[in-house]
Amino acid sequence: MERENILLWKLQEDFREELHRRYNVAKYDDITLREMLELGFNNNYLNKRDDYSYIKELGWCNEKGNYEYDFTDEQLNVKIEMKEYDADTDGYTFARIYLKNEEDYKLFEDFDEGDW
């Protein structure tokens, strides 16, 4: 079937299935920040469970494997847990994440590139 002949609802169905699969990986698998970024969400935000004012924009990873911001290997290897995902005003999917180890937040104290 030619790409232009695929029905819109079928494209949406395929997208929803893939989004759900990636959500399950981010929510239930033991993954690192590197793996989270490589799942391809449009943007990722780092939050803390006990401090709702703590928000760090971590950006995304493009299709060539390049990250929007510069990370150290230590930052990319921290274990994360997805809090939630949603759509931004342009309809792109973004994710909010926590770090599994509270002490790992110190690795992001001077991370200013994407701060809000």
PDB file of N, CA and C in Angstrom:
ATOM      1  N   MET A   1       0.845  -1.181   0.000  1.00  0.00           N
ATOM      2  CA  MET A   1       0.000   0.000   0.000  1.00  0.00           C
ATOM      3  C   MET A   1       0.889   1.243   0.000  1.00  0.00           C
ATOM      4  N   GLU A   2       0.570   2.170  -0.856  1.00  0.00           N
ATOM      5  CA  GLU A   2       1.315   3.422  -0.919  1.00  0.00           C
ATOM      6  C   GLU A   2       1.110   4.209   0.365  1.00  0.00           C
ATOM      7  N   ARG A   3       2.156   4.895   0.812  1.00  0.00           N
ATOM      8  CA  ARG A   3       2.103   5.687   2.048  1.00  0.00           C
ATOM      9  C   ARG A   3       0.933   6.666   2.038  1.00  0.00           C
ATOM     10  N   GLU A   4       0.675   7.318   0.903  1.00  0.00           N
ATOM     11  CA  GLU A   4      -0.382   8.314   0.851  1.00  0.00           C
ATOM     12  C   GLU A   4      -1.773   7.687   0.920  1.00  0.00           C
ATOM     13  N   ASN A   5      -1.874   6.375   0.748  1.00  0.00           N
ATOM     14  CA  ASN A   5      -3.167   5.701   0.818  1.00  0.00           C
ATOM     15  C   ASN A   5      -3.504   5.195   2.214  1.00  0.00           C
ATOM     16  N   ILE A   6      -2.581   5.336   3.152  1.00  0.00           N
ATOM     17  CA  ILE A   6      -2.855   4.881   4.515  1.00  0.00           C
ATOM     18  C   ILE A   6      -3.849   5.837   5.147  1.00  0.00           C
ATOM     19  N   LEU A   7      -4.889   5.293   5.729  1.00  0.00           N
ATOM     20  CA  LEU A   7      -5.922   6.103   6.367  1.00  0.00           C
ATOM     21  C   LEU A   7      -5.377   6.779   7.619  1.00  0.00           C
ATOM     22  N   LEU A   8      -5.853   7.956   7.885  1.00  0.00           N
ATOM     23  CA  LEU A   8      -5.398   8.719   9.046  1.00  0.00           C
ATOM     24  C   LEU A   8      -5.608   7.952  10.339  1.00  0.00           C
ATOM     25  N   TRP A   9      -6.756   7.311  10.496  1.00  0.00           N
ATOM     26  CA  TRP A   9      -7.000   6.588  11.742  1.00  0.00           C
ATOM     27  C   TRP A   9      -6.007   5.455  11.938  1.00  0.00           C
ATOM     28  N   LYS A  10      -5.538   4.858  10.840  1.00  0.00           N
ATOM     29  CA  LYS A  10      -4.546   3.792  10.943  1.00  0.00           C
ATOM     30  C   LYS A  10      -3.203   4.349  11.412  1.00  0.00           C
ATOM     31  N   LEU A  11      -2.817   5.511  10.887  1.00  0.00           N
ATOM     32  CA  LEU A  11      -1.591   6.165  11.350  1.00  0.00           C
ATOM     33  C   LEU A  11      -1.699   6.519  12.826  1.00  0.00           C
ATOM     34  N   GLN A  12      -2.854   7.022  13.239  1.00  0.00           N
ATOM     35  CA  GLN A  12      -3.063   7.367  14.643  1.00  0.00           C
ATOM     36  C   GLN A  12      -3.013   6.123  15.518  1.00  0.00           C
ATOM     37  N   GLU A  13      -3.610   5.046  15.048  1.00  0.00           N
ATOM     38  CA  GLU A  13      -3.589   3.792  15.801  1.00  0.00           C
ATOM     39  C   GLU A  13      -2.157   3.285  15.972  1.00  0.00           C
ATOM     40  N   ASP A  14      -1.378   3.326  14.889  1.00  0.00           N
ATOM     41  CA  ASP A  14       0.020   2.893  14.956  1.00  0.00           C
ATOM     42  C   ASP A  14       0.802   3.765  15.936  1.00  0.00           C
ATOM     43  N   PHE A  15       0.579   5.080  15.868  1.00  0.00           N
ATOM     44  CA  PHE A  15       1.250   6.000  16.785  1.00  0.00           C
ATOM     45  C   PHE A  15       0.884   5.692  18.229  1.00  0.00           C
ATOM     46  N   ARG A  16      -0.393   5.516  18.517  1.00  0.00           N
ATOM     47  CA  ARG A  16      -0.841   5.248  19.896  1.00  0.00           C
ATOM     48  C   ARG A  16      -0.230   3.947  20.424  1.00  0.00           C
ATOM     49  N   GLU A  17      -0.187   2.928  19.594  1.00  0.00           N
ATOM     50  CA  GLU A  17       0.408   1.660  20.026  1.00  0.00           C
ATOM     51  C   GLU A  17       1.886   1.834  20.354  1.00  0.00           C
ATOM     52  N   GLU A  18       2.606   2.559  19.496  1.00  0.00           N
ATOM     53  CA  GLU A  18       4.032   2.780  19.732  1.00  0.00           C
ATOM     54  C   GLU A  18       4.255   3.674  20.941  1.00  0.00           C
ATOM     55  N   LEU A  19       3.440   4.692  21.111  1.00  0.00           N
ATOM     56  CA  LEU A  19       3.531   5.555  22.289  1.00  0.00           C
ATOM     57  C   LEU A  19       3.309   4.748  23.562  1.00  0.00           C
ATOM     58  N   HIS A  20       2.316   3.894  23.559  1.00  0.00           N
ATOM     59  CA  HIS A  20       2.032   3.065  24.736  1.00  0.00           C
ATOM     60  C   HIS A  20       3.195   2.110  25.027  1.00  0.00           C
ATOM     61  N   ARG A  21       3.782   1.541  23.984  1.00  0.00           N
ATOM     62  CA  ARG A  21       4.925   0.644  24.179  1.00  0.00           C
ATOM     63  C   ARG A  21       6.095   1.398  24.811  1.00  0.00           C
ATOM     64  N   ARG A  22       6.368   2.586  24.298  1.00  0.00           N
ATOM     65  CA  ARG A  22       7.484   3.375  24.827  1.00  0.00           C
ATOM     66  C   ARG A  22       7.190   3.862  26.234  1.00  0.00           C
ATOM     67  N   TYR A  23       5.945   4.210  26.510  1.00  0.00           N
ATOM     68  CA  TYR A  23       5.558   4.585  27.863  1.00  0.00           C
ATOM     69  C   TYR A  23       5.826   3.427  28.824  1.00  0.00           C
ATOM     70  N   ASN A  24       5.450   2.227  28.439  1.00  0.00           N
ATOM     71  CA  ASN A  24       5.679   1.065  29.307  1.00  0.00           C
ATOM     72  C   ASN A  24       7.156   0.843  29.578  1.00  0.00           C
ATOM     73  N   VAL A  25       8.003   1.039  28.583  1.00  0.00           N
ATOM     74  CA  VAL A  25       9.446   0.918  28.781  1.00  0.00           C
ATOM     75  C   VAL A  25       9.900   1.960  29.810  1.00  0.00           C
ATOM     76  N   ALA A  26       9.482   3.207  29.609  1.00  0.00           N
ATOM     77  CA  ALA A  26       9.911   4.297  30.493  1.00  0.00           C
ATOM     78  C   ALA A  26       9.349   4.152  31.897  1.00  0.00           C
ATOM     79  N   LYS A  27       8.166   3.631  32.023  1.00  0.00           N
ATOM     80  CA  LYS A  27       7.504   3.547  33.331  1.00  0.00           C
ATOM     81  C   LYS A  27       7.924   2.305  34.119  1.00  0.00           C
ATOM     82  N   TYR A  28       8.088   1.187  33.437  1.00  0.00           N
ATOM     83  CA  TYR A  28       8.239  -0.076  34.158  1.00  0.00           C
ATOM     84  C   TYR A  28       9.596  -0.761  34.006  1.00  0.00           C
ATOM     85  N   ASP A  29      10.391  -0.365  33.012  1.00  0.00           N
ATOM     86  CA  ASP A  29      11.712  -0.973  32.861  1.00  0.00           C
ATOM     87  C   ASP A  29      12.725  -0.177  33.688  1.00  0.00           C
ATOM     88  N   ASP A  30      13.819  -0.801  33.995  1.00  0.00           N
ATOM     89  CA  ASP A  30      14.901  -0.159  34.738  1.00  0.00           C
ATOM     90  C   ASP A  30      15.821   0.499  33.719  1.00  0.00           C
ATOM     91  N   ILE A  31      15.531   1.779  33.367  1.00  0.00           N
ATOM     92  CA  ILE A  31      16.276   2.426  32.291  1.00  0.00           C
ATOM     93  C   ILE A  31      17.058   3.641  32.799  1.00  0.00           C
ATOM     94  N   THR A  32      18.008   4.055  31.988  1.00  0.00           N
ATOM     95  CA  THR A  32      18.840   5.218  32.291  1.00  0.00           C
ATOM     96  C   THR A  32      18.282   6.452  31.583  1.00  0.00           C
ATOM     97  N   LEU A  33      18.823   7.598  31.932  1.00  0.00           N
ATOM     98  CA  LEU A  33      18.443   8.827  31.247  1.00  0.00           C
ATOM     99  C   LEU A  33      18.766   8.712  29.754  1.00  0.00           C
ATOM    100  N   ARG A  34      19.898   8.142  29.416  1.00  0.00           N
ATOM    101  CA  ARG A  34      20.276   7.941  28.009  1.00  0.00           C
ATOM    102  C   ARG A  34      19.177   7.169  27.273  1.00  0.00           C
ATOM    103  N   GLU A  35      18.743   6.067  27.852  1.00  0.00           N
ATOM    104  CA  GLU A  35      17.709   5.248  27.220  1.00  0.00           C
ATOM    105  C   GLU A  35      16.378   6.000  27.134  1.00  0.00           C
ATOM    106  N   MET A  36      16.090   6.793  28.157  1.00  0.00           N
ATOM    107  CA  MET A  36      14.859   7.590  28.135  1.00  0.00           C
ATOM    108  C   MET A  36      14.890   8.594  26.995  1.00  0.00           C
ATOM    109  N   LEU A  37      15.985   9.326  26.869  1.00  0.00           N
ATOM    110  CA  LEU A  37      16.094  10.311  25.801  1.00  0.00           C
ATOM    111  C   LEU A  37      15.988   9.646  24.428  1.00  0.00           C
ATOM    112  N   GLU A  38      16.550   8.464  24.311  1.00  0.00           N
ATOM    113  CA  GLU A  38      16.552   7.764  23.033  1.00  0.00           C
ATOM    114  C   GLU A  38      15.196   7.143  22.687  1.00  0.00           C
ATOM    115  N   LEU A  39      14.262   7.129  23.634  1.00  0.00           N
ATOM    116  CA  LEU A  39      12.905   6.674  23.310  1.00  0.00           C
ATOM    117  C   LEU A  39      12.209   7.643  22.365  1.00  0.00           C
ATOM    118  N   GLY A  40      12.686   8.895  22.334  1.00  0.00           N
ATOM    119  CA  GLY A  40      12.211   9.818  21.318  1.00  0.00           C
ATOM    120  C   GLY A  40      11.080  10.745  21.696  1.00  0.00           C
ATOM    121  N   PHE A  41      10.811  10.923  22.980  1.00  0.00           N
ATOM    122  CA  PHE A  41       9.808  11.912  23.359  1.00  0.00           C
ATOM    123  C   PHE A  41      10.302  13.288  22.915  1.00  0.00           C
ATOM    124  N   ASN A  42       9.389  14.179  22.568  1.00  0.00           N
ATOM    125  CA  ASN A  42       9.746  15.491  22.039  1.00  0.00           C
ATOM    126  C   ASN A  42      10.574  16.298  23.027  1.00  0.00           C
ATOM    127  N   ASN A  43      10.300  16.176  24.282  1.00  0.00           N
ATOM    128  CA  ASN A  43      11.063  16.870  25.307  1.00  0.00           C
ATOM    129  C   ASN A  43      10.944  16.082  26.596  1.00  0.00           C
ATOM    130  N   ASN A  44      11.909  16.245  27.477  1.00  0.00           N
ATOM    131  CA  ASN A  44      11.921  15.558  28.759  1.00  0.00           C
ATOM    132  C   ASN A  44      12.208  16.572  29.848  1.00  0.00           C
ATOM    133  N   TYR A  45      11.453  16.486  30.934  1.00  0.00           N
ATOM    134  CA  TYR A  45      11.604  17.405  32.060  1.00  0.00           C
ATOM    135  C   TYR A  45      11.908  16.603  33.309  1.00  0.00           C
ATOM    136  N   LEU A  46      12.932  17.038  34.027  1.00  0.00           N
ATOM    137  CA  LEU A  46      13.326  16.398  35.276  1.00  0.00           C
ATOM    138  C   LEU A  46      12.617  17.094  36.428  1.00  0.00           C
ATOM    139  N   ASN A  47      11.915  16.319  37.252  1.00  0.00           N
ATOM    140  CA  ASN A  47      11.208  16.815  38.424  1.00  0.00           C
ATOM    141  C   ASN A  47      11.665  16.072  39.665  1.00  0.00           C
ATOM    142  N   LYS A  48      11.310  16.622  40.827  1.00  0.00           N
ATOM    143  CA  LYS A  48      11.521  15.940  42.100  1.00  0.00           C
ATOM    144  C   LYS A  48      10.166  15.617  42.701  1.00  0.00           C
ATOM    145  N   ARG A  49      10.092  14.482  43.384  1.00  0.00           N
ATOM    146  CA  ARG A  49       8.826  14.050  43.983  1.00  0.00           C
ATOM    147  C   ARG A  49       8.328  15.029  45.050  1.00  0.00           C
ATOM    148  N   ASP A  50       9.234  15.593  45.816  1.00  0.00           N
ATOM    149  CA  ASP A  50       8.836  16.414  46.968  1.00  0.00           C
ATOM    150  C   ASP A  50       9.015  17.914  46.735  1.00  0.00           C
ATOM    151  N   ASP A  51       9.322  18.323  45.523  1.00  0.00           N
ATOM    152  CA  ASP A  51       9.540  19.739  45.230  1.00  0.00           C
ATOM    153  C   ASP A  51       8.979  20.049  43.841  1.00  0.00           C
ATOM    154  N   TYR A  52       7.720  20.476  43.804  1.00  0.00           N
ATOM    155  CA  TYR A  52       7.056  20.710  42.523  1.00  0.00           C
ATOM    156  C   TYR A  52       7.642  21.888  41.756  1.00  0.00           C
ATOM    157  N   SER A  53       8.424  22.725  42.423  1.00  0.00           N
ATOM    158  CA  SER A  53       9.039  23.859  41.732  1.00  0.00           C
ATOM    159  C   SER A  53      10.327  23.448  41.000  1.00  0.00           C
ATOM    160  N   TYR A  54      10.820  22.241  41.264  1.00  0.00           N
ATOM    161  CA  TYR A  54      12.054  21.764  40.626  1.00  0.00           C
ATOM    162  C   TYR A  54      11.728  21.223  39.237  1.00  0.00           C
ATOM    163  N   ILE A  55      12.144  21.965  38.217  1.00  0.00           N
ATOM    164  CA  ILE A  55      11.941  21.543  36.831  1.00  0.00           C
ATOM    165  C   ILE A  55      13.213  21.871  36.053  1.00  0.00           C
ATOM    166  N   LYS A  56      13.777  20.852  35.442  1.00  0.00           N
ATOM    167  CA  LYS A  56      14.921  21.060  34.548  1.00  0.00           C
ATOM    168  C   LYS A  56      14.554  20.476  33.192  1.00  0.00           C
ATOM    169  N   GLU A  57      14.692  21.300  32.172  1.00  0.00           N
ATOM    170  CA  GLU A  57      14.425  20.846  30.816  1.00  0.00           C
ATOM    171  C   GLU A  57      15.645  20.076  30.319  1.00  0.00           C
ATOM    172  N   LEU A  58      15.438  18.808  29.973  1.00  0.00           N
ATOM    173  CA  LEU A  58      16.537  17.956  29.525  1.00  0.00           C
ATOM    174  C   LEU A  58      16.571  17.781  28.021  1.00  0.00           C
ATOM    175  N   GLY A  59      15.576  18.308  27.329  1.00  0.00           N
ATOM    176  CA  GLY A  59      15.585  18.253  25.882  1.00  0.00           C
ATOM    177  C   GLY A  59      15.226  16.887  25.323  1.00  0.00           C
ATOM    178  N   TRP A  60      15.838  16.578  24.186  1.00  0.00           N
ATOM    179  CA  TRP A  60      15.500  15.372  23.444  1.00  0.00           C
ATOM    180  C   TRP A  60      16.734  14.819  22.748  1.00  0.00           C
ATOM    181  N   CYS A  61      16.517  13.703  22.100  1.00  0.00           N
ATOM    182  CA  CYS A  61      17.535  13.061  21.266  1.00  0.00           C
ATOM    183  C   CYS A  61      16.949  12.993  19.864  1.00  0.00           C
ATOM    184  N   ASN A  62      17.705  13.440  18.861  1.00  0.00           N
ATOM    185  CA  ASN A  62      17.162  13.415  17.504  1.00  0.00           C
ATOM    186  C   ASN A  62      17.391  12.054  16.846  1.00  0.00           C
ATOM    187  N   GLU A  63      16.938  11.914  15.609  1.00  0.00           N
ATOM    188  CA  GLU A  63      17.012  10.626  14.917  1.00  0.00           C
ATOM    189  C   GLU A  63      18.435  10.184  14.609  1.00  0.00           C
ATOM    190  N   LYS A  64      19.399  11.107  14.710  1.00  0.00           N
ATOM    191  CA  LYS A  64      20.811  10.760  14.497  1.00  0.00           C
ATOM    192  C   LYS A  64      21.514  10.402  15.806  1.00  0.00           C
ATOM    193  N   GLY A  65      20.770  10.437  16.925  1.00  0.00           N
ATOM    194  CA  GLY A  65      21.345  10.093  18.218  1.00  0.00           C
ATOM    195  C   GLY A  65      22.016  11.247  18.930  1.00  0.00           C
ATOM    196  N   ASN A  66      21.803  12.467  18.441  1.00  0.00           N
ATOM    197  CA  ASN A  66      22.380  13.645  19.084  1.00  0.00           C
ATOM    198  C   ASN A  66      21.399  14.222  20.101  1.00  0.00           C
ATOM    199  N   TYR A  67      21.940  14.617  21.255  1.00  0.00           N
ATOM    200  CA  TYR A  67      21.110  15.202  22.313  1.00  0.00           C
ATOM    201  C   TYR A  67      21.047  16.718  22.135  1.00  0.00           C
ATOM    202  N   GLU A  68      19.944  17.304  22.568  1.00  0.00           N
ATOM    203  CA  GLU A  68      19.815  18.754  22.482  1.00  0.00           C
ATOM    204  C   GLU A  68      20.849  19.452  23.361  1.00  0.00           C
ATOM    205  N   TYR A  69      21.099  18.907  24.542  1.00  0.00           N
ATOM    206  CA  TYR A  69      22.035  19.511  25.484  1.00  0.00           C
ATOM    207  C   TYR A  69      23.208  18.577  25.721  1.00  0.00           C
ATOM    208  N   ASP A  70      24.293  19.141  26.242  1.00  0.00           N
ATOM    209  CA  ASP A  70      25.474  18.342  26.557  1.00  0.00           C
ATOM    210  C   ASP A  70      25.313  17.713  27.934  1.00  0.00           C
ATOM    211  N   PHE A  71      25.463  16.405  27.971  1.00  0.00           N
ATOM    212  CA  PHE A  71      25.400  15.652  29.228  1.00  0.00           C
ATOM    213  C   PHE A  71      26.730  14.955  29.449  1.00  0.00           C
ATOM    214  N   THR A  72      27.049  14.714  30.715  1.00  0.00           N
ATOM    215  CA  THR A  72      28.196  13.878  31.034  1.00  0.00           C
ATOM    216  C   THR A  72      27.739  12.421  30.971  1.00  0.00           C
ATOM    217  N   ASP A  73      28.690  11.514  30.866  1.00  0.00           N
ATOM    218  CA  ASP A  73      28.334  10.092  30.896  1.00  0.00           C
ATOM    219  C   ASP A  73      27.660   9.741  32.218  1.00  0.00           C
ATOM    220  N   GLU A  74      28.119  10.361  33.276  1.00  0.00           N
ATOM    221  CA  GLU A  74      27.528  10.091  34.588  1.00  0.00           C
ATOM    222  C   GLU A  74      26.055  10.503  34.619  1.00  0.00           C
ATOM    223  N   GLN A  75      25.744  11.657  34.046  1.00  0.00           N
ATOM    224  CA  GLN A  75      24.346  12.097  33.985  1.00  0.00           C
ATOM    225  C   GLN A  75      23.514  11.144  33.128  1.00  0.00           C
ATOM    226  N   LEU A  76      24.035  10.760  31.978  1.00  0.00           N
ATOM    227  CA  LEU A  76      23.289   9.888  31.072  1.00  0.00           C
ATOM    228  C   LEU A  76      23.055   8.498  31.644  1.00  0.00           C
ATOM    229  N   ASN A  77      23.865   8.090  32.614  1.00  0.00           N
ATOM    230  CA  ASN A  77      23.738   6.751  33.178  1.00  0.00           C
ATOM    231  C   ASN A  77      22.926   6.673  34.465  1.00  0.00           C
ATOM    232  N   VAL A  78      22.337   7.792  34.904  1.00  0.00           N
ATOM    233  CA  VAL A  78      21.496   7.724  36.094  1.00  0.00           C
ATOM    234  C   VAL A  78      20.213   6.979  35.750  1.00  0.00           C
ATOM    235  N   LYS A  79      19.683   6.264  36.718  1.00  0.00           N
ATOM    236  CA  LYS A  79      18.422   5.532  36.541  1.00  0.00           C
ATOM    237  C   LYS A  79      17.264   6.496  36.730  1.00  0.00           C
ATOM    238  N   ILE A  80      16.269   6.357  35.859  1.00  0.00           N
ATOM    239  CA  ILE A  80      15.120   7.259  35.912  1.00  0.00           C
ATOM    240  C   ILE A  80      13.825   6.464  36.067  1.00  0.00           C
ATOM    241  N   GLU A  81      12.787   7.214  36.364  1.00  0.00           N
ATOM    242  CA  GLU A  81      11.436   6.665  36.417  1.00  0.00           C
ATOM    243  C   GLU A  81      10.504   7.700  35.804  1.00  0.00           C
ATOM    244  N   MET A  82       9.681   7.286  34.877  1.00  0.00           N
ATOM    245  CA  MET A  82       8.755   8.228  34.260  1.00  0.00           C
ATOM    246  C   MET A  82       7.623   8.555  35.229  1.00  0.00           C
ATOM    247  N   LYS A  83       7.349   9.834  35.346  1.00  0.00           N
ATOM    248  CA  LYS A  83       6.211  10.293  36.134  1.00  0.00           C
ATOM    249  C   LYS A  83       4.955  10.273  35.270  1.00  0.00           C
ATOM    250  N   GLU A  84       5.028  10.937  34.096  1.00  0.00           N
ATOM    251  CA  GLU A  84       3.874  11.024  33.207  1.00  0.00           C
ATOM    252  C   GLU A  84       4.318  11.520  31.838  1.00  0.00           C
ATOM    253  N   TYR A  85       3.407  11.461  30.900  1.00  0.00           N
ATOM    254  CA  TYR A  85       3.636  12.095  29.602  1.00  0.00           C
ATOM    255  C   TYR A  85       2.369  12.837  29.216  1.00  0.00           C
ATOM    256  N   ASP A  86       2.531  13.788  28.317  1.00  0.00           N
ATOM    257  CA  ASP A  86       1.405  14.604  27.868  1.00  0.00           C
ATOM    258  C   ASP A  86       1.769  15.178  26.507  1.00  0.00           C
ATOM    259  N   ALA A  87       0.877  15.943  25.935  1.00  0.00           N
ATOM    260  CA  ALA A  87       1.149  16.615  24.665  1.00  0.00           C
ATOM    261  C   ALA A  87       1.324  18.105  24.907  1.00  0.00           C
ATOM    262  N   ASP A  88       2.283  18.705  24.202  1.00  0.00           N
ATOM    263  CA  ASP A  88       2.462  20.145  24.318  1.00  0.00           C
ATOM    264  C   ASP A  88       1.473  20.861  23.396  1.00  0.00           C
ATOM    265  N   THR A  89       1.564  22.177  23.329  1.00  0.00           N
ATOM    266  CA  THR A  89       0.599  22.947  22.549  1.00  0.00           C
ATOM    267  C   THR A  89       0.680  22.671  21.057  1.00  0.00           C
ATOM    268  N   ASP A  90       1.792  22.113  20.596  1.00  0.00           N
ATOM    269  CA  ASP A  90       1.926  21.748  19.186  1.00  0.00           C
ATOM    270  C   ASP A  90       1.520  20.295  18.917  1.00  0.00           C
ATOM    271  N   GLY A  91       1.107  19.580  19.972  1.00  0.00           N
ATOM    272  CA  GLY A  91       0.682  18.197  19.815  1.00  0.00           C
ATOM    273  C   GLY A  91       1.798  17.175  19.924  1.00  0.00           C
ATOM    274  N   TYR A  92       3.025  17.620  20.260  1.00  0.00           N
ATOM    275  CA  TYR A  92       4.138  16.691  20.437  1.00  0.00           C
ATOM    276  C   TYR A  92       4.131  16.130  21.852  1.00  0.00           C
ATOM    277  N   THR A  93       4.585  14.906  21.985  1.00  0.00           N
ATOM    278  CA  THR A  93       4.559  14.229  23.277  1.00  0.00           C
ATOM    279  C   THR A  93       5.828  14.510  24.064  1.00  0.00           C
ATOM    280  N   PHE A  94       5.653  14.945  25.321  1.00  0.00           N
ATOM    281  CA  PHE A  94       6.789  15.164  26.205  1.00  0.00           C
ATOM    282  C   PHE A  94       6.613  14.311  27.455  1.00  0.00           C
ATOM    283  N   ALA A  95       7.706  14.156  28.209  1.00  0.00           N
ATOM    284  CA  ALA A  95       7.689  13.317  29.406  1.00  0.00           C
ATOM    285  C   ALA A  95       8.235  14.075  30.607  1.00  0.00           C
ATOM    286  N   ARG A  96       7.691  13.750  31.764  1.00  0.00           N
ATOM    287  CA  ARG A  96       8.218  14.234  33.039  1.00  0.00           C
ATOM    288  C   ARG A  96       8.799  13.018  33.755  1.00  0.00           C
ATOM    289  N   ILE A  97      10.030  13.185  34.249  1.00  0.00           N
ATOM    290  CA  ILE A  97      10.709  12.045  34.869  1.00  0.00           C
ATOM    291  C   ILE A  97      11.263  12.419  36.237  1.00  0.00           C
ATOM    292  N   TYR A  98      11.500  11.391  37.048  1.00  0.00           N
ATOM    293  CA  TYR A  98      12.195  11.486  38.328  1.00  0.00           C
ATOM    294  C   TYR A  98      13.489  10.695  38.217  1.00  0.00           C
ATOM    295  N   LEU A  99      14.437  11.003  39.078  1.00  0.00           N
ATOM    296  CA  LEU A  99      15.609  10.153  39.220  1.00  0.00           C
ATOM    297  C   LEU A  99      15.305   9.132  40.310  1.00  0.00           C
ATOM    298  N   LYS A 100      15.686   7.901  40.101  1.00  0.00           N
ATOM    299  CA  LYS A 100      15.400   6.855  41.090  1.00  0.00           C
ATOM    300  C   LYS A 100      16.212   7.053  42.367  1.00  0.00           C
ATOM    301  N   ASN A 101      17.460   7.512  42.213  1.00  0.00           N
ATOM    302  CA  ASN A 101      18.336   7.723  43.353  1.00  0.00           C
ATOM    303  C   ASN A 101      18.358   9.223  43.665  1.00  0.00           C
ATOM    304  N   GLU A 102      17.855   9.601  44.804  1.00  0.00           N
ATOM    305  CA  GLU A 102      17.762  11.011  45.190  1.00  0.00           C
ATOM    306  C   GLU A 102      19.122  11.717  45.141  1.00  0.00           C
ATOM    307  N   GLU A 103      20.179  11.004  45.455  1.00  0.00           N
ATOM    308  CA  GLU A 103      21.519  11.599  45.448  1.00  0.00           C
ATOM    309  C   GLU A 103      21.978  11.992  44.043  1.00  0.00           C
ATOM    310  N   ASP A 104      21.400  11.394  43.014  1.00  0.00           N
ATOM    311  CA  ASP A 104      21.791  11.708  41.639  1.00  0.00           C
ATOM    312  C   ASP A 104      21.383  13.118  41.211  1.00  0.00           C
ATOM    313  N   TYR A 105      20.453  13.727  41.929  1.00  0.00           N
ATOM    314  CA  TYR A 105      20.051  15.091  41.575  1.00  0.00           C
ATOM    315  C   TYR A 105      21.231  16.064  41.667  1.00  0.00           C
ATOM    316  N   LYS A 106      22.201  15.748  42.506  1.00  0.00           N
ATOM    317  CA  LYS A 106      23.370  16.636  42.623  1.00  0.00           C
ATOM    318  C   LYS A 106      24.130  16.739  41.296  1.00  0.00           C
ATOM    319  N   LEU A 107      24.014  15.709  40.449  1.00  0.00           N
ATOM    320  CA  LEU A 107      24.668  15.731  39.143  1.00  0.00           C
ATOM    321  C   LEU A 107      24.062  16.793  38.219  1.00  0.00           C
ATOM    322  N   PHE A 108      22.879  17.269  38.553  1.00  0.00           N
ATOM    323  CA  PHE A 108      22.181  18.232  37.707  1.00  0.00           C
ATOM    324  C   PHE A 108      22.110  19.623  38.336  1.00  0.00           C
ATOM    325  N   GLU A 109      22.823  19.837  39.444  1.00  0.00           N
ATOM    326  CA  GLU A 109      22.797  21.141  40.113  1.00  0.00           C
ATOM    327  C   GLU A 109      23.258  22.257  39.200  1.00  0.00           C
ATOM    328  N   ASP A 110      24.286  22.040  38.421  1.00  0.00           N
ATOM    329  CA  ASP A 110      24.832  23.076  37.548  1.00  0.00           C
ATOM    330  C   ASP A 110      24.385  22.914  36.095  1.00  0.00           C
ATOM    331  N   PHE A 111      23.356  22.120  35.872  1.00  0.00           N
ATOM    332  CA  PHE A 111      22.851  21.906  34.528  1.00  0.00           C
ATOM    333  C   PHE A 111      21.953  23.083  34.165  1.00  0.00           C
ATOM    334  N   ASP A 112      22.518  24.068  33.472  1.00  0.00           N
ATOM    335  CA  ASP A 112      21.801  25.309  33.199  1.00  0.00           C
ATOM    336  C   ASP A 112      21.259  25.409  31.783  1.00  0.00           C
ATOM    337  N   GLU A 113      21.720  24.584  30.881  1.00  0.00           N
ATOM    338  CA  GLU A 113      21.343  24.726  29.470  1.00  0.00           C
ATOM    339  C   GLU A 113      19.846  24.807  29.283  1.00  0.00           C
ATOM    340  N   GLY A 114      19.109  23.937  29.972  1.00  0.00           N
ATOM    341  CA  GLY A 114      17.672  23.898  29.728  1.00  0.00           C
ATOM    342  C   GLY A 114      16.830  24.295  30.914  1.00  0.00           C
ATOM    343  N   ASP A 115      17.438  24.960  31.899  1.00  0.00           N
ATOM    344  CA  ASP A 115      16.658  25.339  33.072  1.00  0.00           C
ATOM    345  C   ASP A 115      15.505  26.260  32.704  1.00  0.00           C
ATOM    346  N   TRP A 116      14.447  26.149  33.431  1.00  0.00           N
ATOM    347  CA  TRP A 116      13.316  27.066  33.284  1.00  0.00           C
ATOM    348  C   TRP A 116      13.539  28.249  34.170  1.00  0.00           C
TER     349      TRP A 116
END
